[in-house]
Every structure is written in C-alpha cells, then in structure tokens.
Amino acid sequence: MTQRFAGKVVLVTGAGSVGPGWGNGRAIAVGFAREGATVIGVDRNAAAMEETAAKAAEAGGRFIPVTGNVTESDSVAAIIRDIVAEHKRIDVLVNNVGGSAAGGPVEMAEEVWDAQIDHNLKSVFLGCKHVLPVMVDQGGGAIVNLASTSGIRWTGAAQVAYAASKAGVIQMSKVVAIQYATKGIRVNTVVPGQMHTPMVETRLAGQRAGGDVEALIKSRIARIPMGFAGDGRDTANAVLFLASDEARFITGTELVVDGGMSVRCG
C-alpha cells in the first residue's frame, strides 16, 4: 500500500455514516488513514464515527473523531483552531457533508429549502472560510468538495434544493480554485452518482420507493450504463487522487464517479 499522505493532516467532514458499510465520508477517512495521514473526522453524531474509527484502526491508520456542526461558523472555527493548535497544519480538507430532501419548489417547505442549503452548501463555504487562511499561512494545501450528479443532471427524482446546492458546490469550487491558485492551494470537486451507500437503505428507500429497498436499488442500477452501483470506496479513490501530489496540476475541475450515468442522462 502506498503512503501518499504520510505526515499529512487531513480533515474530513461527515466522517460517520447513517448505517454500517461504506458511506462516502467513512470510506474517504479510512482511505486517507490507510495511506499514512493523521485524519481528523468531524460528524455531528459521535456514534456514527465508531465504525469509521474501527476500520481506520484495522487499516493501521490514525483517525481522530471530533463532534461538531459544520453548518455553524463558531463550531467550525473552534474545530480548526484545535487542529492547528495540536497538529500545526491542515494539508487536506474534504468537505463531504450532504444529504437530499425530496420535492420541487411548490411542495417543498421553505424551512426544508433553507436547511438543505445550509447542509449542502453553507457547510462547504464554512469549511473553506476557516481552513483557507491556515493553508495560505503554511504555503499550500488541497481542498476536495463533494457534489452530486444531481447538480449537473436530472437523476430521477425532484429534489430541487439538493440539486441547486450541489450545483453551487461545483461553481464555488471553481471560483475558490482560481482565487487561490497562486497560493499553492488546489480546489477540486468529486461528483458521485447513484452510489450504494448506507443511506440507500436507511433514508432513500423510504423517500422514494415506499420502503422497498430492492425496488429502489433496481431502479438506480437501471440508470447506470456499467450495470452496477459503486460505493463509498469508489468516491474515496477519486478524492484521494485529487488530494494527492499525483494531481499537482489539477485544479478547478470535477471528477465524475457514476458509471457513465450522467452521460446517458445527458
């Protein structure tokens, strides 16, 4: 196993998961830990990070769980201060927090819209806001933001706030990438498609298939040209590449991880 991140300090938000298995945040955190990084994982639910910590330990890595709310500026600022005080730097930031809510503009309640924007977009803004000064002071770093194919295509369900906020993540990443390119800071976006993560069973099936998990999975796979669904480890592989020195000449772009789905949708 390569150690591309030996000696690096990596912050991953949403490092827990809503259930057992390979959610995006869990897989990303474990991937960095496996490759030598000191990983600080943030989640508002401490219990959700227990499996992440166990898998990181199994991989021989170092994972430090921190409970916090990345939609609140004071919480994010305190987390960053503590990391810098303890570890002196933050080499990689992965803004992974996100989640969808069903509905178009008529049927969606305004408070759901507001919560979606906070959860999916403001969390990225705050992560960048508080980490960028640290990266400028240390002379560089890498930020990888998580969007969704819902931010670039119709993917089978009306989820207007999720789609809008994830599109916002993509464009925000581009703007920040150009603004900070001369500072040695690269900013890119990973765009996962319809992955089979624990969220499928615990949340999406109830939203879209009346609780019928098998029917939901079948409908999702039918959209994927490759004929199977990836999982959080596929997302993690893309994130680790973009954060690594192998991607030293890549900034302001997106890496779509969807088995070809968005090409077909297009």
C-alpha atoms as a PDB file:
ATOM      1  CA  MET A   1       0.000   0.000   0.000  1.00  0.00           C
ATOM      2  CA  THR A   2       1.327   3.401  -0.955  1.00  0.00           C
ATOM      3  CA  GLN A   3       1.713   6.051   1.716  1.00  0.00           C
ATOM      4  CA  ARG A   4       0.861   9.113  -0.362  1.00  0.00           C
ATOM      5  CA  PHE A   5      -0.244  11.048   2.719  1.00  0.00           C
ATOM      6  CA  ALA A   6       2.406  10.100   5.256  1.00  0.00           C
ATOM      7  CA  GLY A   7       2.935  13.010   7.613  1.00  0.00           C
ATOM      8  CA  LYS A   8      -0.133  14.868   6.293  1.00  0.00           C
ATOM      9  CA  VAL A   9      -3.003  16.208   8.377  1.00  0.00           C
ATOM     10  CA  VAL A  10      -6.389  15.653   6.744  1.00  0.00           C
ATOM     11  CA  LEU A  11      -9.774  16.995   7.830  1.00  0.00           C
ATOM     12  CA  VAL A  12     -12.843  15.080   6.614  1.00  0.00           C
ATOM     13  CA  THR A  13     -16.324  16.364   7.410  1.00  0.00           C
ATOM     14  CA  GLY A  14     -19.223  13.931   7.571  1.00  0.00           C
ATOM     15  CA  ALA A  15     -16.820  11.147   8.534  1.00  0.00           C
ATOM     16  CA  GLY A  16     -19.524   8.983  10.041  1.00  0.00           C
ATOM     17  CA  SER A  17     -22.339   7.157   8.273  1.00  0.00           C
ATOM     18  CA  VAL A  18     -26.059   6.656   8.782  1.00  0.00           C
ATOM     19  CA  GLY A  19     -25.553   2.893   8.897  1.00  0.00           C
ATOM     20  CA  PRO A  20     -22.989   0.108   8.626  1.00  0.00           C
ATOM     21  CA  GLY A  21     -20.934  -0.131   5.448  1.00  0.00           C
ATOM     22  CA  TRP A  22     -19.036   2.164   3.132  1.00  0.00           C
ATOM     23  CA  GLY A  23     -20.568   5.602   3.162  1.00  0.00           C
ATOM     24  CA  ASN A  24     -18.609   8.271   1.317  1.00  0.00           C
ATOM     25  CA  GLY A  25     -17.234  10.025   4.399  1.00  0.00           C
ATOM     26  CA  ARG A  26     -16.272   6.798   6.134  1.00  0.00           C
ATOM     27  CA  ALA A  27     -14.506   5.438   3.073  1.00  0.00           C
ATOM     28  CA  ILE A  28     -12.684   8.724   2.490  1.00  0.00           C
ATOM     29  CA  ALA A  29     -11.468   8.936   6.086  1.00  0.00           C
ATOM     30  CA  VAL A  30     -10.316   5.312   6.145  1.00  0.00           C
ATOM     31  CA  GLY A  31      -8.604   5.723   2.771  1.00  0.00           C
ATOM     32  CA  PHE A  32      -6.518   8.655   3.980  1.00  0.00           C
ATOM     33  CA  ALA A  33      -5.699   6.860   7.247  1.00  0.00           C
ATOM     34  CA  ARG A  34      -4.610   3.758   5.345  1.00  0.00           C
ATOM     35  CA  GLU A  35      -2.236   5.888   3.296  1.00  0.00           C
ATOM     36  CA  GLY A  36      -0.467   7.391   6.280  1.00  0.00           C
ATOM     37  CA  ALA A  37      -2.379  10.565   7.121  1.00  0.00           C
ATOM     38  CA  THR A  38      -3.476  11.762  10.516  1.00  0.00           C
ATOM     39  CA  VAL A  39      -7.199  12.056   9.858  1.00  0.00           C
ATOM     40  CA  ILE A  40      -9.476  14.289  11.876  1.00  0.00           C
ATOM     41  CA  GLY A  41     -13.056  13.272  11.194  1.00  0.00           C
ATOM     42  CA  VAL A  42     -15.968  15.541  12.048  1.00  0.00           C
ATOM     43  CA  ASP A  43     -19.582  14.497  12.429  1.00  0.00           C
ATOM     44  CA  ARG A  44     -22.478  15.839  14.470  1.00  0.00           C
ATOM     45  CA  ASN A  45     -23.176  12.252  15.626  1.00  0.00           C
ATOM     46  CA  ALA A  46     -20.244  10.790  17.551  1.00  0.00           C
ATOM     47  CA  ALA A  47     -21.658   7.253  17.389  1.00  0.00           C
ATOM     48  CA  ALA A  48     -21.694   7.419  13.597  1.00  0.00           C
ATOM     49  CA  MET A  49     -17.890   7.587  13.615  1.00  0.00           C
ATOM     50  CA  GLU A  50     -17.319   4.490  15.738  1.00  0.00           C
ATOM     51  CA  GLU A  51     -17.219   2.142  12.736  1.00  0.00           C
ATOM     52  CA  THR A  52     -15.025   4.641  10.882  1.00  0.00           C
ATOM     53  CA  ALA A  53     -12.535   4.613  13.746  1.00  0.00           C
ATOM     54  CA  ALA A  54     -12.595   0.816  13.894  1.00  0.00           C
ATOM     55  CA  LYS A  55     -11.978   0.438  10.157  1.00  0.00           C
ATOM     56  CA  ALA A  56      -9.175   3.015  10.254  1.00  0.00           C
ATOM     57  CA  ALA A  57      -7.529   1.118  13.109  1.00  0.00           C
ATOM     58  CA  GLU A  58      -7.850  -2.153  11.195  1.00  0.00           C
ATOM     59  CA  ALA A  59      -6.061  -0.452   8.299  1.00  0.00           C
ATOM     60  CA  GLY A  60      -3.232   0.612  10.619  1.00  0.00           C
ATOM     61  CA  GLY A  61      -4.151   4.285  10.367  1.00  0.00           C
ATOM     62  CA  ARG A  62      -4.777   7.161  12.739  1.00  0.00           C
ATOM     63  CA  PHE A  63      -8.289   8.563  12.971  1.00  0.00           C
ATOM     64  CA  ILE A  64      -9.348  11.210  15.486  1.00  0.00           C
ATOM     65  CA  PRO A  65     -13.126  11.755  15.833  1.00  0.00           C
ATOM     66  CA  VAL A  66     -14.466  15.215  16.626  1.00  0.00           C
ATOM     67  CA  THR A  67     -18.118  16.040  17.225  1.00  0.00           C
ATOM     68  CA  GLY A  68     -19.292  19.277  15.671  1.00  0.00           C
ATOM     69  CA  ASN A  69     -21.814  21.009  13.451  1.00  0.00           C
ATOM     70  CA  VAL A  70     -20.257  22.201  10.183  1.00  0.00           C
ATOM     71  CA  THR A  71     -23.250  24.421   9.389  1.00  0.00           C
ATOM     72  CA  GLU A  72     -22.365  26.681  12.347  1.00  0.00           C
ATOM     73  CA  SER A  73     -19.435  29.051  11.912  1.00  0.00           C
ATOM     74  CA  ASP A  74     -18.417  29.069  15.581  1.00  0.00           C
ATOM     75  CA  SER A  75     -18.287  25.279  15.643  1.00  0.00           C
ATOM     76  CA  VAL A  76     -16.145  25.097  12.503  1.00  0.00           C
ATOM     77  CA  ALA A  77     -13.812  27.850  13.727  1.00  0.00           C
ATOM     78  CA  ALA A  78     -13.296  26.064  17.055  1.00  0.00           C
ATOM     79  CA  ILE A  79     -12.543  22.756  15.327  1.00  0.00           C
ATOM     80  CA  ILE A  80      -9.960  24.405  13.058  1.00  0.00           C
ATOM     81  CA  ARG A  81      -8.323  26.238  15.979  1.00  0.00           C
ATOM     82  CA  ASP A  82      -7.992  22.980  17.909  1.00  0.00           C
ATOM     83  CA  ILE A  83      -6.500  21.124  14.927  1.00  0.00           C
ATOM     84  CA  VAL A  84      -3.924  23.835  14.269  1.00  0.00           C
ATOM     85  CA  ALA A  85      -3.028  24.053  17.963  1.00  0.00           C
ATOM     86  CA  GLU A  86      -2.440  20.302  18.119  1.00  0.00           C
ATOM     87  CA  HIS A  87      -1.110  19.452  14.651  1.00  0.00           C
ATOM     88  CA  LYS A  88       0.199  22.835  13.411  1.00  0.00           C
ATOM     89  CA  ARG A  89      -1.303  22.485   9.914  1.00  0.00           C
ATOM     90  CA  ILE A  90      -4.118  21.175   7.706  1.00  0.00           C
ATOM     91  CA  ASP A  91      -2.839  19.732   4.440  1.00  0.00           C
ATOM     92  CA  VAL A  92      -6.143  18.462   3.036  1.00  0.00           C
ATOM     93  CA  LEU A  93      -9.751  19.470   3.616  1.00  0.00           C
ATOM     94  CA  VAL A  94     -12.565  17.250   2.355  1.00  0.00           C
ATOM     95  CA  ASN A  95     -15.999  18.863   2.573  1.00  0.00           C
ATOM     96  CA  ASN A  96     -18.213  15.802   2.443  1.00  0.00           C
ATOM     97  CA  VAL A  97     -21.336  16.688   4.441  1.00  0.00           C
ATOM     98  CA  GLY A  98     -24.565  16.488   2.461  1.00  0.00           C
ATOM     99  CA  GLY A  99     -27.951  14.890   2.045  1.00  0.00           C
ATOM    100  CA  SER A 100     -31.073  15.196  -0.065  1.00  0.00           C
ATOM    101  CA  ALA A 101     -34.710  16.077   0.546  1.00  0.00           C
ATOM    102  CA  ALA A 102     -37.498  15.303  -1.873  1.00  0.00           C
ATOM    103  CA  GLY A 103     -39.637  17.910  -3.599  1.00  0.00           C
ATOM    104  CA  GLY A 104     -39.846  20.738  -6.082  1.00  0.00           C
ATOM    105  CA  PRO A 105     -40.351  24.422  -5.248  1.00  0.00           C
ATOM    106  CA  VAL A 106     -44.127  24.152  -4.733  1.00  0.00           C
ATOM    107  CA  GLU A 107     -44.275  21.153  -2.430  1.00  0.00           C
ATOM    108  CA  MET A 108     -41.021  21.778  -0.528  1.00  0.00           C
ATOM    109  CA  ALA A 109     -41.384  23.771   2.691  1.00  0.00           C
ATOM    110  CA  GLU A 110     -39.228  26.878   2.931  1.00  0.00           C
ATOM    111  CA  GLU A 111     -37.561  25.603   6.085  1.00  0.00           C
ATOM    112  CA  VAL A 112     -36.546  22.425   4.247  1.00  0.00           C
ATOM    113  CA  TRP A 113     -35.051  24.540   1.446  1.00  0.00           C
ATOM    114  CA  ASP A 114     -33.110  26.604   3.991  1.00  0.00           C
ATOM    115  CA  ALA A 115     -31.860  23.507   5.802  1.00  0.00           C
ATOM    116  CA  GLN A 116     -30.747  21.921   2.533  1.00  0.00           C
ATOM    117  CA  ILE A 117     -28.757  24.986   1.515  1.00  0.00           C
ATOM    118  CA  ASP A 118     -27.101  25.092   4.931  1.00  0.00           C
ATOM    119  CA  HIS A 119     -26.355  21.370   4.958  1.00  0.00           C
ATOM    120  CA  ASN A 120     -25.039  21.012   1.421  1.00  0.00           C
ATOM    121  CA  LEU A 121     -23.587  24.416   0.531  1.00  0.00           C
ATOM    122  CA  LYS A 122     -23.038  26.548   3.619  1.00  0.00           C
ATOM    123  CA  SER A 123     -21.058  23.686   5.171  1.00  0.00           C
ATOM    124  CA  VAL A 124     -18.623  23.853   2.232  1.00  0.00           C
ATOM    125  CA  PHE A 125     -18.441  27.643   2.469  1.00  0.00           C
ATOM    126  CA  LEU A 126     -17.619  27.498   6.176  1.00  0.00           C
ATOM    127  CA  GLY A 127     -15.019  24.776   5.744  1.00  0.00           C
ATOM    128  CA  CYS A 128     -13.257  26.846   3.101  1.00  0.00           C
ATOM    129  CA  LYS A 129     -13.693  30.076   5.066  1.00  0.00           C
ATOM    130  CA  HIS A 130     -11.882  28.764   8.126  1.00  0.00           C
ATOM    131  CA  VAL A 131      -9.308  26.451   6.523  1.00  0.00           C
ATOM    132  CA  LEU A 132      -8.088  28.618   3.652  1.00  0.00           C
ATOM    133  CA  PRO A 133      -6.212  31.079   5.926  1.00  0.00           C
ATOM    134  CA  VAL A 134      -4.402  28.120   7.507  1.00  0.00           C
ATOM    135  CA  MET A 135      -3.386  26.789   4.090  1.00  0.00           C
ATOM    136  CA  VAL A 136      -2.252  30.240   2.944  1.00  0.00           C
ATOM    137  CA  ASP A 137      -0.050  30.599   6.049  1.00  0.00           C
ATOM    138  CA  GLN A 138       1.535  27.184   5.556  1.00  0.00           C
ATOM    139  CA  GLY A 139       2.131  27.736   1.832  1.00  0.00           C
ATOM    140  CA  GLY A 140      -0.394  25.412   0.227  1.00  0.00           C
ATOM    141  CA  GLY A 141      -2.903  22.613   0.528  1.00  0.00           C
ATOM    142  CA  ALA A 142      -5.656  20.739  -1.257  1.00  0.00           C
ATOM    143  CA  ILE A 143      -9.425  21.007  -0.889  1.00  0.00           C
ATOM    144  CA  VAL A 144     -11.819  18.442  -2.318  1.00  0.00           C
ATOM    145  CA  ASN A 145     -15.542  19.195  -2.186  1.00  0.00           C
ATOM    146  CA  LEU A 146     -18.259  16.590  -2.678  1.00  0.00           C
ATOM    147  CA  ALA A 147     -21.080  17.435  -5.063  1.00  0.00           C
ATOM    148  CA  SER A 148     -23.510  15.074  -6.824  1.00  0.00           C
ATOM    149  CA  THR A 149     -24.668  14.224 -10.301  1.00  0.00           C
ATOM    150  CA  SER A 150     -27.924  15.843  -9.192  1.00  0.00           C
ATOM    151  CA  GLY A 151     -26.006  19.110  -9.503  1.00  0.00           C
ATOM    152  CA  ILE A 152     -25.397  18.554 -13.225  1.00  0.00           C
ATOM    153  CA  ARG A 153     -28.303  16.373 -14.431  1.00  0.00           C
ATOM    154  CA  TRP A 154     -31.848  15.254 -13.650  1.00  0.00           C
ATOM    155  CA  THR A 155     -31.220  11.928 -11.929  1.00  0.00           C
ATOM    156  CA  GLY A 156     -34.708  10.541 -11.482  1.00  0.00           C
ATOM    157  CA  ALA A 157     -36.360  12.482  -8.652  1.00  0.00           C
ATOM    158  CA  ALA A 158     -37.387  16.059  -7.899  1.00  0.00           C
ATOM    159  CA  GLN A 159     -35.040  17.290  -5.171  1.00  0.00           C
ATOM    160  CA  VAL A 160     -34.699  20.919  -6.121  1.00  0.00           C
ATOM    161  CA  ALA A 161     -32.759  22.185  -3.094  1.00  0.00           C
ATOM    162  CA  TYR A 162     -30.272  19.329  -3.227  1.00  0.00           C
ATOM    163  CA  ALA A 163     -29.714  19.817  -6.953  1.00  0.00           C
ATOM    164  CA  ALA A 164     -29.305  23.580  -6.603  1.00  0.00           C
ATOM    165  CA  SER A 165     -26.965  23.350  -3.620  1.00  0.00           C
ATOM    166  CA  LYS A 166     -24.771  20.693  -5.235  1.00  0.00           C
ATOM    167  CA  ALA A 167     -24.554  22.772  -8.421  1.00  0.00           C
ATOM    168  CA  GLY A 168     -23.490  25.603  -6.139  1.00  0.00           C
ATOM    169  CA  VAL A 169     -20.721  23.448  -4.668  1.00  0.00           C
ATOM    170  CA  ILE A 170     -19.314  22.864  -8.158  1.00  0.00           C
ATOM    171  CA  GLN A 171     -19.261  26.548  -9.074  1.00  0.00           C
ATOM    172  CA  MET A 172     -17.993  27.637  -5.670  1.00  0.00           C
ATOM    173  CA  SER A 173     -15.087  25.212  -6.059  1.00  0.00           C
ATOM    174  CA  LYS A 174     -14.165  26.749  -9.410  1.00  0.00           C
ATOM    175  CA  VAL A 175     -14.191  30.282  -8.038  1.00  0.00           C
ATOM    176  CA  VAL A 176     -12.095  29.393  -4.986  1.00  0.00           C
ATOM    177  CA  ALA A 177      -9.681  27.373  -7.145  1.00  0.00           C
ATOM    178  CA  ILE A 178      -8.864  30.375  -9.309  1.00  0.00           C
ATOM    179  CA  GLN A 179      -8.749  32.807  -6.403  1.00  0.00           C
ATOM    180  CA  TYR A 180      -6.189  30.685  -4.536  1.00  0.00           C
ATOM    181  CA  ALA A 181      -4.231  29.081  -7.386  1.00  0.00           C
ATOM    182  CA  THR A 182      -1.225  31.344  -6.859  1.00  0.00           C
ATOM    183  CA  LYS A 183      -1.203  30.440  -3.157  1.00  0.00           C
ATOM    184  CA  GLY A 184      -0.403  26.781  -3.822  1.00  0.00           C
ATOM    185  CA  ILE A 185      -3.926  25.684  -2.921  1.00  0.00           C
ATOM    186  CA  ARG A 186      -5.797  23.377  -5.276  1.00  0.00           C
ATOM    187  CA  VAL A 187      -9.594  23.051  -5.129  1.00  0.00           C
ATOM    188  CA  ASN A 188     -11.499  20.331  -6.977  1.00  0.00           C
ATOM    189  CA  THR A 189     -14.848  18.583  -6.816  1.00  0.00           C
ATOM    190  CA  VAL A 190     -15.794  14.919  -6.837  1.00  0.00           C
ATOM    191  CA  VAL A 191     -19.239  14.295  -8.311  1.00  0.00           C
ATOM    192  CA  PRO A 192     -20.593  10.900  -7.197  1.00  0.00           C
ATOM    193  CA  GLY A 193     -23.535   9.345  -8.982  1.00  0.00           C
ATOM    194  CA  GLN A 194     -26.088   6.955  -7.536  1.00  0.00           C
ATOM    195  CA  MET A 195     -23.787   5.071  -5.210  1.00  0.00           C
ATOM    196  CA  HIS A 196     -24.859   2.202  -2.989  1.00  0.00           C
ATOM    197  CA  THR A 197     -24.092   3.674   0.409  1.00  0.00           C
ATOM    198  CA  PRO A 198     -25.856   3.016   3.738  1.00  0.00           C
ATOM    199  CA  MET A 199     -28.108   5.986   3.000  1.00  0.00           C
ATOM    200  CA  VAL A 200     -29.926   3.927   0.344  1.00  0.00           C
ATOM    201  CA  GLU A 201     -31.389   1.556   2.927  1.00  0.00           C
ATOM    202  CA  THR A 202     -31.789   3.949   5.814  1.00  0.00           C
ATOM    203  CA  ARG A 203     -33.239   7.008   4.101  1.00  0.00           C
ATOM    204  CA  LEU A 204     -33.747   6.990   0.343  1.00  0.00           C
ATOM    205  CA  ALA A 205     -35.902   3.878   0.157  1.00  0.00           C
ATOM    206  CA  GLY A 206     -38.449   5.488   2.438  1.00  0.00           C
ATOM    207  CA  GLN A 207     -38.401   8.748   0.478  1.00  0.00           C
ATOM    208  CA  ARG A 208     -38.755   7.289  -2.991  1.00  0.00           C
ATOM    209  CA  ALA A 209     -39.830   3.657  -3.001  1.00  0.00           C
ATOM    210  CA  GLY A 210     -42.251   3.278  -0.117  1.00  0.00           C
ATOM    211  CA  GLY A 211     -39.574   1.451   1.849  1.00  0.00           C
ATOM    212  CA  ASP A 212     -38.920  -1.102  -0.908  1.00  0.00           C
ATOM    213  CA  VAL A 213     -35.115  -1.193  -0.894  1.00  0.00           C
ATOM    214  CA  GLU A 214     -34.828  -3.776  -3.678  1.00  0.00           C
ATOM    215  CA  ALA A 215     -37.065  -1.766  -5.991  1.00  0.00           C
ATOM    216  CA  LEU A 216     -35.070   1.397  -5.363  1.00  0.00           C
ATOM    217  CA  ILE A 217     -31.738  -0.319  -5.984  1.00  0.00           C
ATOM    218  CA  LYS A 218     -33.057  -1.889  -9.181  1.00  0.00           C
ATOM    219  CA  SER A 219     -34.295   1.472 -10.494  1.00  0.00           C
ATOM    220  CA  ARG A 220     -30.980   3.160  -9.677  1.00  0.00           C
ATOM    221  CA  ILE A 221     -28.862   0.491 -11.323  1.00  0.00           C
ATOM    222  CA  ALA A 222     -31.061   0.647 -14.439  1.00  0.00           C
ATOM    223  CA  ARG A 223     -29.744   4.192 -14.998  1.00  0.00           C
ATOM    224  CA  ILE A 224     -26.084   3.165 -14.838  1.00  0.00           C
ATOM    225  CA  PRO A 225     -24.513   2.048 -18.156  1.00  0.00           C
ATOM    226  CA  MET A 226     -21.920  -0.101 -16.358  1.00  0.00           C
ATOM    227  CA  GLY A 227     -24.742  -2.109 -14.791  1.00  0.00           C
ATOM    228  CA  PHE A 228     -23.727  -1.923 -11.150  1.00  0.00           C
ATOM    229  CA  ALA A 229     -23.590   0.666  -8.381  1.00  0.00           C
ATOM    230  CA  GLY A 230     -20.327   1.859  -6.925  1.00  0.00           C
ATOM    231  CA  ASP A 231     -19.974   2.573  -3.229  1.00  0.00           C
ATOM    232  CA  GLY A 232     -18.132   4.967  -0.969  1.00  0.00           C
ATOM    233  CA  ARG A 233     -14.773   3.389  -1.764  1.00  0.00           C
ATOM    234  CA  ASP A 234     -15.104   4.493  -5.389  1.00  0.00           C
ATOM    235  CA  THR A 235     -15.788   8.032  -4.217  1.00  0.00           C
ATOM    236  CA  ALA A 236     -12.817   7.818  -1.854  1.00  0.00           C
ATOM    237  CA  ASN A 237     -10.439   6.719  -4.616  1.00  0.00           C
ATOM    238  CA  ALA A 238     -11.321   9.834  -6.603  1.00  0.00           C
ATOM    239  CA  VAL A 239     -10.930  12.101  -3.570  1.00  0.00           C
ATOM    240  CA  LEU A 240      -7.545  10.640  -2.650  1.00  0.00           C
ATOM    241  CA  PHE A 241      -6.265  11.108  -6.195  1.00  0.00           C
ATOM    242  CA  LEU A 242      -7.337  14.758  -6.357  1.00  0.00           C
ATOM    243  CA  ALA A 243      -5.817  15.448  -2.937  1.00  0.00           C
ATOM    244  CA  SER A 244      -2.521  13.753  -3.787  1.00  0.00           C
ATOM    245  CA  ASP A 245       0.624  15.100  -5.432  1.00  0.00           C
ATOM    246  CA  GLU A 246      -0.305  12.995  -8.471  1.00  0.00           C
ATOM    247  CA  ALA A 247      -2.904  15.697  -9.169  1.00  0.00           C
ATOM    248  CA  ARG A 248      -0.499  18.599  -8.651  1.00  0.00           C
ATOM    249  CA  PHE A 249      -1.507  20.218 -11.975  1.00  0.00           C
ATOM    250  CA  ILE A 250      -5.260  19.761 -11.497  1.00  0.00           C
ATOM    251  CA  THR A 251      -7.445  22.472 -10.006  1.00  0.00           C
ATOM    252  CA  GLY A 252     -10.873  23.948 -10.587  1.00  0.00           C
ATOM    253  CA  THR A 253     -12.317  20.822 -12.159  1.00  0.00           C
ATOM    254  CA  GLU A 254     -14.706  17.939 -11.425  1.00  0.00           C
ATOM    255  CA  LEU A 255     -14.180  14.191 -11.393  1.00  0.00           C
ATOM    256  CA  VAL A 256     -17.474  12.398 -12.036  1.00  0.00           C
ATOM    257  CA  VAL A 257     -17.789   8.953 -10.433  1.00  0.00           C
ATOM    258  CA  ASP A 258     -21.046   7.494 -11.721  1.00  0.00           C
ATOM    259  CA  GLY A 259     -20.502   4.513 -14.024  1.00  0.00           C
ATOM    260  CA  GLY A 260     -21.423   6.655 -17.028  1.00  0.00           C
ATOM    261  CA  MET A 261     -24.872   7.607 -15.719  1.00  0.00           C
ATOM    262  CA  SER A 262     -24.610  11.353 -16.308  1.00  0.00           C
ATOM    263  CA  VAL A 263     -23.533  10.809 -19.905  1.00  0.00           C
ATOM    264  CA  ARG A 264     -26.662   8.761 -20.508  1.00  0.00           C
ATOM    265  CA  CYS A 265     -28.798  11.308 -18.628  1.00  0.00           C
ATOM    266  CA  GLY A 266     -27.356  13.997 -20.878  1.00  0.00           C
END
